Amino acid sequence: MSERDPESHVTHEEEIHLPGPSWWPLMLAVGIALTLTGLVISPVMLAVGALTGVCALALWIRDARREYRALHD
């Protein structure tokens, strides 16, 4: 068996960054559920669900972009 050369090991100096907790994924799921329920029950619920889902997705993307910019500044 050969020994490993300690100098051959490549190290990366990058940090792992995980995003903080957010309510937007849950709100997006609620919006999708309301939209699908609205397809069966009522057009009003469909509209409320679609609006909730679109707003949650837009706000989630906005927060992610802000966090990404702050990370790289």
PDB file of N, CA and C in Angstrom:
ATOM      1  N   MET A   1       0.836  -1.173   0.000  1.00  0.00           N
ATOM      2  CA  MET A   1       0.000   0.000   0.000  1.00  0.00           C
ATOM      3  C   MET A   1       0.887   1.246   0.000  1.00  0.00           C
ATOM      4  N   SER A   2       0.509   2.215  -0.765  1.00  0.00           N
ATOM      5  CA  SER A   2       1.315   3.431  -0.812  1.00  0.00           C
ATOM      6  C   SER A   2       0.741   4.480   0.129  1.00  0.00           C
ATOM      7  N   GLU A   3       1.626   5.292   0.619  1.00  0.00           N
ATOM      8  CA  GLU A   3       1.188   6.374   1.493  1.00  0.00           C
ATOM      9  C   GLU A   3       0.782   7.571   0.652  1.00  0.00           C
ATOM     10  N   ARG A   4      -0.145   8.319   1.179  1.00  0.00           N
ATOM     11  CA  ARG A   4      -0.587   9.524   0.470  1.00  0.00           C
ATOM     12  C   ARG A   4       0.398  10.654   0.695  1.00  0.00           C
ATOM     13  N   ASP A   5       0.608  11.401  -0.345  1.00  0.00           N
ATOM     14  CA  ASP A   5       1.484  12.560  -0.250  1.00  0.00           C
ATOM     15  C   ASP A   5       0.680  13.718   0.338  1.00  0.00           C
ATOM     16  N   PRO A   6       1.056  14.234   1.508  1.00  0.00           N
ATOM     17  CA  PRO A   6       0.263  15.312   2.123  1.00  0.00           C
ATOM     18  C   PRO A   6       0.222  16.584   1.284  1.00  0.00           C
ATOM     19  N   GLU A   7       1.203  16.785   0.428  1.00  0.00           N
ATOM     20  CA  GLU A   7       1.216  17.988  -0.398  1.00  0.00           C
ATOM     21  C   GLU A   7       0.331  17.864  -1.628  1.00  0.00           C
ATOM     22  N   SER A   8      -0.112  16.642  -1.922  1.00  0.00           N
ATOM     23  CA  SER A   8      -0.958  16.465  -3.107  1.00  0.00           C
ATOM     24  C   SER A   8      -2.422  16.794  -2.820  1.00  0.00           C
ATOM     25  N   HIS A   9      -2.731  16.952  -1.571  1.00  0.00           N
ATOM     26  CA  HIS A   9      -4.117  17.259  -1.205  1.00  0.00           C
ATOM     27  C   HIS A   9      -4.406  18.734  -1.485  1.00  0.00           C
ATOM     28  N   VAL A  10      -5.413  18.982  -2.278  1.00  0.00           N
ATOM     29  CA  VAL A  10      -5.781  20.354  -2.633  1.00  0.00           C
ATOM     30  C   VAL A  10      -6.774  20.869  -1.601  1.00  0.00           C
ATOM     31  N   THR A  11      -6.497  22.021  -1.056  1.00  0.00           N
ATOM     32  CA  THR A  11      -7.421  22.627  -0.102  1.00  0.00           C
ATOM     33  C   THR A  11      -8.067  23.843  -0.740  1.00  0.00           C
ATOM     34  N   HIS A  12      -9.303  24.035  -0.418  1.00  0.00           N
ATOM     35  CA  HIS A  12     -10.048  25.187  -0.912  1.00  0.00           C
ATOM     36  C   HIS A  12     -10.305  26.122   0.260  1.00  0.00           C
ATOM     37  N   GLU A  13     -10.122  27.369   0.027  1.00  0.00           N
ATOM     38  CA  GLU A  13     -10.304  28.367   1.071  1.00  0.00           C
ATOM     39  C   GLU A  13     -11.688  29.005   1.009  1.00  0.00           C
ATOM     40  N   GLU A  14     -12.642  28.328   0.423  1.00  0.00           N
ATOM     41  CA  GLU A  14     -13.987  28.879   0.308  1.00  0.00           C
ATOM     42  C   GLU A  14     -14.825  28.456   1.508  1.00  0.00           C
ATOM     43  N   GLU A  15     -15.709  29.338   1.900  1.00  0.00           N
ATOM     44  CA  GLU A  15     -16.638  29.014   2.970  1.00  0.00           C
ATOM     45  C   GLU A  15     -17.921  28.478   2.372  1.00  0.00           C
ATOM     46  N   ILE A  16     -18.555  27.602   3.107  1.00  0.00           N
ATOM     47  CA  ILE A  16     -19.875  27.138   2.700  1.00  0.00           C
ATOM     48  C   ILE A  16     -20.885  28.096   3.305  1.00  0.00           C
ATOM     49  N   HIS A  17     -21.740  28.640   2.459  1.00  0.00           N
ATOM     50  CA  HIS A  17     -22.745  29.585   2.932  1.00  0.00           C
ATOM     51  C   HIS A  17     -24.129  28.983   2.735  1.00  0.00           C
ATOM     52  N   LEU A  18     -24.872  28.895   3.811  1.00  0.00           N
ATOM     53  CA  LEU A  18     -26.248  28.433   3.741  1.00  0.00           C
ATOM     54  C   LEU A  18     -27.162  29.620   3.998  1.00  0.00           C
ATOM     55  N   PRO A  19     -28.242  29.736   3.236  1.00  0.00           N
ATOM     56  CA  PRO A  19     -29.161  30.852   3.456  1.00  0.00           C
ATOM     57  C   PRO A  19     -29.862  30.716   4.802  1.00  0.00           C
ATOM     58  N   GLY A  20     -30.260  31.854   5.330  1.00  0.00           N
ATOM     59  CA  GLY A  20     -30.973  31.855   6.595  1.00  0.00           C
ATOM     60  C   GLY A  20     -32.397  31.343   6.432  1.00  0.00           C
ATOM     61  N   PRO A  21     -33.080  31.144   7.540  1.00  0.00           N
ATOM     62  CA  PRO A  21     -34.458  30.669   7.464  1.00  0.00           C
ATOM     63  C   PRO A  21     -35.364  31.708   6.802  1.00  0.00           C
ATOM     64  N   SER A  22     -36.375  31.216   6.117  1.00  0.00           N
ATOM     65  CA  SER A  22     -37.273  32.106   5.387  1.00  0.00           C
ATOM     66  C   SER A  22     -38.687  31.530   5.382  1.00  0.00           C
ATOM     67  N   TRP A  23     -39.656  32.418   5.389  1.00  0.00           N
ATOM     68  CA  TRP A  23     -41.058  32.012   5.305  1.00  0.00           C
ATOM     69  C   TRP A  23     -41.515  31.862   3.861  1.00  0.00           C
ATOM     70  N   TRP A  24     -40.751  32.363   2.901  1.00  0.00           N
ATOM     71  CA  TRP A  24     -41.210  32.379   1.511  1.00  0.00           C
ATOM     72  C   TRP A  24     -41.455  30.999   0.906  1.00  0.00           C
ATOM     73  N   PRO A  25     -40.654  29.982   1.198  1.00  0.00           N
ATOM     74  CA  PRO A  25     -40.987  28.662   0.642  1.00  0.00           C
ATOM     75  C   PRO A  25     -42.339  28.143   1.141  1.00  0.00           C
ATOM     76  N   LEU A  26     -42.627  28.392   2.418  1.00  0.00           N
ATOM     77  CA  LEU A  26     -43.920  27.973   2.963  1.00  0.00           C
ATOM     78  C   LEU A  26     -45.059  28.745   2.310  1.00  0.00           C
ATOM     79  N   MET A  27     -44.874  30.052   2.143  1.00  0.00           N
ATOM     80  CA  MET A  27     -45.917  30.861   1.504  1.00  0.00           C
ATOM     81  C   MET A  27     -46.130  30.446   0.050  1.00  0.00           C
ATOM     82  N   LEU A  28     -45.066  30.074  -0.643  1.00  0.00           N
ATOM     83  CA  LEU A  28     -45.198  29.589  -2.010  1.00  0.00           C
ATOM     84  C   LEU A  28     -45.992  28.290  -2.031  1.00  0.00           C
ATOM     85  N   ALA A  29     -45.727  27.404  -1.088  1.00  0.00           N
ATOM     86  CA  ALA A  29     -46.476  26.148  -1.005  1.00  0.00           C
ATOM     87  C   ALA A  29     -47.955  26.409  -0.717  1.00  0.00           C
ATOM     88  N   VAL A  30     -48.238  27.361   0.160  1.00  0.00           N
ATOM     89  CA  VAL A  30     -49.635  27.724   0.449  1.00  0.00           C
ATOM     90  C   VAL A  30     -50.298  28.288  -0.803  1.00  0.00           C
ATOM     91  N   GLY A  31     -49.590  29.135  -1.526  1.00  0.00           N
ATOM     92  CA  GLY A  31     -50.131  29.697  -2.761  1.00  0.00           C
ATOM     93  C   GLY A  31     -50.434  28.626  -3.795  1.00  0.00           C
ATOM     94  N   ILE A  32     -49.531  27.665  -3.938  1.00  0.00           N
ATOM     95  CA  ILE A  32     -49.765  26.574  -4.890  1.00  0.00           C
ATOM     96  C   ILE A  32     -50.954  25.729  -4.452  1.00  0.00           C
ATOM     97  N   ALA A  33     -51.043  25.437  -3.151  1.00  0.00           N
ATOM     98  CA  ALA A  33     -52.169  24.649  -2.646  1.00  0.00           C
ATOM     99  C   ALA A  33     -53.492  25.380  -2.860  1.00  0.00           C
ATOM    100  N   LEU A  34     -53.517  26.673  -2.589  1.00  0.00           N
ATOM    101  CA  LEU A  34     -54.739  27.451  -2.813  1.00  0.00           C
ATOM    102  C   LEU A  34     -55.101  27.496  -4.295  1.00  0.00           C
ATOM    103  N   THR A  35     -54.095  27.625  -5.146  1.00  0.00           N
ATOM    104  CA  THR A  35     -54.350  27.660  -6.585  1.00  0.00           C
ATOM    105  C   THR A  35     -54.966  26.349  -7.053  1.00  0.00           C
ATOM    106  N   LEU A  36     -54.400  25.239  -6.633  1.00  0.00           N
ATOM    107  CA  LEU A  36     -54.933  23.938  -7.047  1.00  0.00           C
ATOM    108  C   LEU A  36     -56.319  23.680  -6.457  1.00  0.00           C
ATOM    109  N   THR A  37     -56.526  24.105  -5.216  1.00  0.00           N
ATOM    110  CA  THR A  37     -57.855  23.971  -4.612  1.00  0.00           C
ATOM    111  C   THR A  37     -58.847  24.878  -5.325  1.00  0.00           C
ATOM    112  N   GLY A  38     -58.404  26.052  -5.706  1.00  0.00           N
ATOM    113  CA  GLY A  38     -59.261  26.986  -6.425  1.00  0.00           C
ATOM    114  C   GLY A  38     -59.684  26.474  -7.788  1.00  0.00           C
ATOM    115  N   LEU A  39     -58.871  25.632  -8.405  1.00  0.00           N
ATOM    116  CA  LEU A  39     -59.273  25.022  -9.678  1.00  0.00           C
ATOM    117  C   LEU A  39     -60.538  24.193  -9.517  1.00  0.00           C
ATOM    118  N   VAL A  40     -60.711  23.605  -8.346  1.00  0.00           N
ATOM    119  CA  VAL A  40     -61.859  22.740  -8.087  1.00  0.00           C
ATOM    120  C   VAL A  40     -63.010  23.505  -7.452  1.00  0.00           C
ATOM    121  N   ILE A  41     -62.710  24.424  -6.545  1.00  0.00           N
ATOM    122  CA  ILE A  41     -63.756  25.047  -5.734  1.00  0.00           C
ATOM    123  C   ILE A  41     -64.270  26.361  -6.299  1.00  0.00           C
ATOM    124  N   SER A  42     -63.385  27.349  -6.460  1.00  0.00           N
ATOM    125  CA  SER A  42     -63.874  28.649  -6.917  1.00  0.00           C
ATOM    126  C   SER A  42     -62.776  29.451  -7.604  1.00  0.00           C
ATOM    127  N   PRO A  43     -63.166  30.267  -8.556  1.00  0.00           N
ATOM    128  CA  PRO A  43     -62.189  31.123  -9.239  1.00  0.00           C
ATOM    129  C   PRO A  43     -61.559  32.168  -8.317  1.00  0.00           C
ATOM    130  N   VAL A  44     -62.289  32.579  -7.289  1.00  0.00           N
ATOM    131  CA  VAL A  44     -61.742  33.563  -6.346  1.00  0.00           C
ATOM    132  C   VAL A  44     -60.561  32.955  -5.595  1.00  0.00           C
ATOM    133  N   MET A  45     -60.726  31.718  -5.131  1.00  0.00           N
ATOM    134  CA  MET A  45     -59.645  31.040  -4.424  1.00  0.00           C
ATOM    135  C   MET A  45     -58.464  30.799  -5.370  1.00  0.00           C
ATOM    136  N   LEU A  46     -58.753  30.517  -6.603  1.00  0.00           N
ATOM    137  CA  LEU A  46     -57.706  30.341  -7.609  1.00  0.00           C
ATOM    138  C   LEU A  46     -56.894  31.624  -7.751  1.00  0.00           C
ATOM    139  N   ALA A  47     -57.583  32.755  -7.836  1.00  0.00           N
ATOM    140  CA  ALA A  47     -56.905  34.047  -7.981  1.00  0.00           C
ATOM    141  C   ALA A  47     -56.089  34.391  -6.741  1.00  0.00           C
ATOM    142  N   VAL A  48     -56.664  34.159  -5.566  1.00  0.00           N
ATOM    143  CA  VAL A  48     -55.941  34.439  -4.317  1.00  0.00           C
ATOM    144  C   VAL A  48     -54.697  33.557  -4.218  1.00  0.00           C
ATOM    145  N   GLY A  49     -54.845  32.288  -4.560  1.00  0.00           N
ATOM    146  CA  GLY A  49     -53.706  31.370  -4.519  1.00  0.00           C
ATOM    147  C   GLY A  49     -52.627  31.749  -5.513  1.00  0.00           C
ATOM    148  N   ALA A  50     -53.037  32.102  -6.723  1.00  0.00           N
ATOM    149  CA  ALA A  50     -52.059  32.495  -7.743  1.00  0.00           C
ATOM    150  C   ALA A  50     -51.327  33.767  -7.323  1.00  0.00           C
ATOM    151  N   LEU A  51     -52.056  34.732  -6.796  1.00  0.00           N
ATOM    152  CA  LEU A  51     -51.438  35.976  -6.337  1.00  0.00           C
ATOM    153  C   LEU A  51     -50.474  35.712  -5.178  1.00  0.00           C
ATOM    154  N   THR A  52     -50.900  34.875  -4.241  1.00  0.00           N
ATOM    155  CA  THR A  52     -50.036  34.523  -3.111  1.00  0.00           C
ATOM    156  C   THR A  52     -48.765  33.835  -3.592  1.00  0.00           C
ATOM    157  N   GLY A  53     -48.914  32.897  -4.508  1.00  0.00           N
ATOM    158  CA  GLY A  53     -47.760  32.171  -5.028  1.00  0.00           C
ATOM    159  C   GLY A  53     -46.796  33.061  -5.783  1.00  0.00           C
ATOM    160  N   VAL A  54     -47.322  33.920  -6.639  1.00  0.00           N
ATOM    161  CA  VAL A  54     -46.464  34.817  -7.422  1.00  0.00           C
ATOM    162  C   VAL A  54     -45.742  35.808  -6.508  1.00  0.00           C
ATOM    163  N   CYS A  55     -46.465  36.366  -5.546  1.00  0.00           N
ATOM    164  CA  CYS A  55     -45.832  37.316  -4.610  1.00  0.00           C
ATOM    165  C   CYS A  55     -44.761  36.627  -3.763  1.00  0.00           C
ATOM    166  N   ALA A  56     -45.068  35.432  -3.261  1.00  0.00           N
ATOM    167  CA  ALA A  56     -44.093  34.706  -2.442  1.00  0.00           C
ATOM    168  C   ALA A  56     -42.844  34.376  -3.250  1.00  0.00           C
ATOM    169  N   LEU A  57     -43.023  33.950  -4.487  1.00  0.00           N
ATOM    170  CA  LEU A  57     -41.877  33.630  -5.337  1.00  0.00           C
ATOM    171  C   LEU A  57     -41.037  34.878  -5.618  1.00  0.00           C
ATOM    172  N   ALA A  58     -41.701  35.982  -5.922  1.00  0.00           N
ATOM    173  CA  ALA A  58     -40.980  37.226  -6.205  1.00  0.00           C
ATOM    174  C   ALA A  58     -40.208  37.707  -4.973  1.00  0.00           C
ATOM    175  N   LEU A  59     -40.827  37.640  -3.808  1.00  0.00           N
ATOM    176  CA  LEU A  59     -40.160  38.091  -2.590  1.00  0.00           C
ATOM    177  C   LEU A  59     -39.026  37.151  -2.185  1.00  0.00           C
ATOM    178  N   TRP A  60     -39.190  35.864  -2.435  1.00  0.00           N
ATOM    179  CA  TRP A  60     -38.139  34.892  -2.143  1.00  0.00           C
ATOM    180  C   TRP A  60     -36.918  35.163  -3.030  1.00  0.00           C
ATOM    181  N   ILE A  61     -37.165  35.408  -4.302  1.00  0.00           N
ATOM    182  CA  ILE A  61     -36.074  35.717  -5.231  1.00  0.00           C
ATOM    183  C   ILE A  61     -35.404  37.032  -4.841  1.00  0.00           C
ATOM    184  N   ARG A  62     -36.198  38.028  -4.460  1.00  0.00           N
ATOM    185  CA  ARG A  62     -35.635  39.313  -4.037  1.00  0.00           C
ATOM    186  C   ARG A  62     -34.703  39.132  -2.840  1.00  0.00           C
ATOM    187  N   ASP A  63     -35.162  38.380  -1.837  1.00  0.00           N
ATOM    188  CA  ASP A  63     -34.330  38.160  -0.652  1.00  0.00           C
ATOM    189  C   ASP A  63     -33.061  37.381  -0.988  1.00  0.00           C
ATOM    190  N   ALA A  64     -33.180  36.403  -1.863  1.00  0.00           N
ATOM    191  CA  ALA A  64     -32.011  35.609  -2.248  1.00  0.00           C
ATOM    192  C   ALA A  64     -30.996  36.467  -2.999  1.00  0.00           C
ATOM    193  N   ARG A  65     -31.478  37.350  -3.861  1.00  0.00           N
ATOM    194  CA  ARG A  65     -30.566  38.234  -4.600  1.00  0.00           C
ATOM    195  C   ARG A  65     -29.855  39.199  -3.658  1.00  0.00           C
ATOM    196  N   ARG A  66     -30.588  39.740  -2.688  1.00  0.00           N
ATOM    197  CA  ARG A  66     -29.971  40.645  -1.706  1.00  0.00           C
ATOM    198  C   ARG A  66     -28.888  39.916  -0.913  1.00  0.00           C
ATOM    199  N   GLU A  67     -29.209  38.710  -0.490  1.00  0.00           N
ATOM    200  CA  GLU A  67     -28.252  37.938   0.287  1.00  0.00           C
ATOM    201  C   GLU A  67     -27.020  37.589  -0.554  1.00  0.00           C
ATOM    202  N   TYR A  68     -27.220  37.259  -1.810  1.00  0.00           N
ATOM    203  CA  TYR A  68     -26.108  36.936  -2.707  1.00  0.00           C
ATOM    204  C   TYR A  68     -25.215  38.158  -2.922  1.00  0.00           C
ATOM    205  N   ARG A  69     -25.844  39.306  -3.125  1.00  0.00           N
ATOM    206  CA  ARG A  69     -25.062  40.541  -3.312  1.00  0.00           C
ATOM    207  C   ARG A  69     -24.263  40.889  -2.059  1.00  0.00           C
ATOM    208  N   ALA A  70     -24.899  40.749  -0.894  1.00  0.00           N
ATOM    209  CA  ALA A  70     -24.218  41.061   0.362  1.00  0.00           C
ATOM    210  C   ALA A  70     -23.060  40.100   0.615  1.00  0.00           C
ATOM    211  N   LEU A  71     -23.200  38.880   0.172  1.00  0.00           N
ATOM    212  CA  LEU A  71     -22.161  37.880   0.364  1.00  0.00           C
ATOM    213  C   LEU A  71     -20.932  38.192  -0.475  1.00  0.00           C
ATOM    214  N   HIS A  72     -21.131  38.722  -1.670  1.00  0.00           N
ATOM    215  CA  HIS A  72     -20.024  38.977  -2.585  1.00  0.00           C
ATOM    216  C   HIS A  72     -19.514  40.415  -2.552  1.00  0.00           C
ATOM    217  N   ASP A  73     -19.995  41.220  -1.644  1.00  0.00           N
ATOM    218  CA  ASP A  73     -19.491  42.601  -1.516  1.00  0.00           C
ATOM    219  C   ASP A  73     -18.416  42.695  -0.474  1.00  0.00           C
TER     220      ASP A  73
END
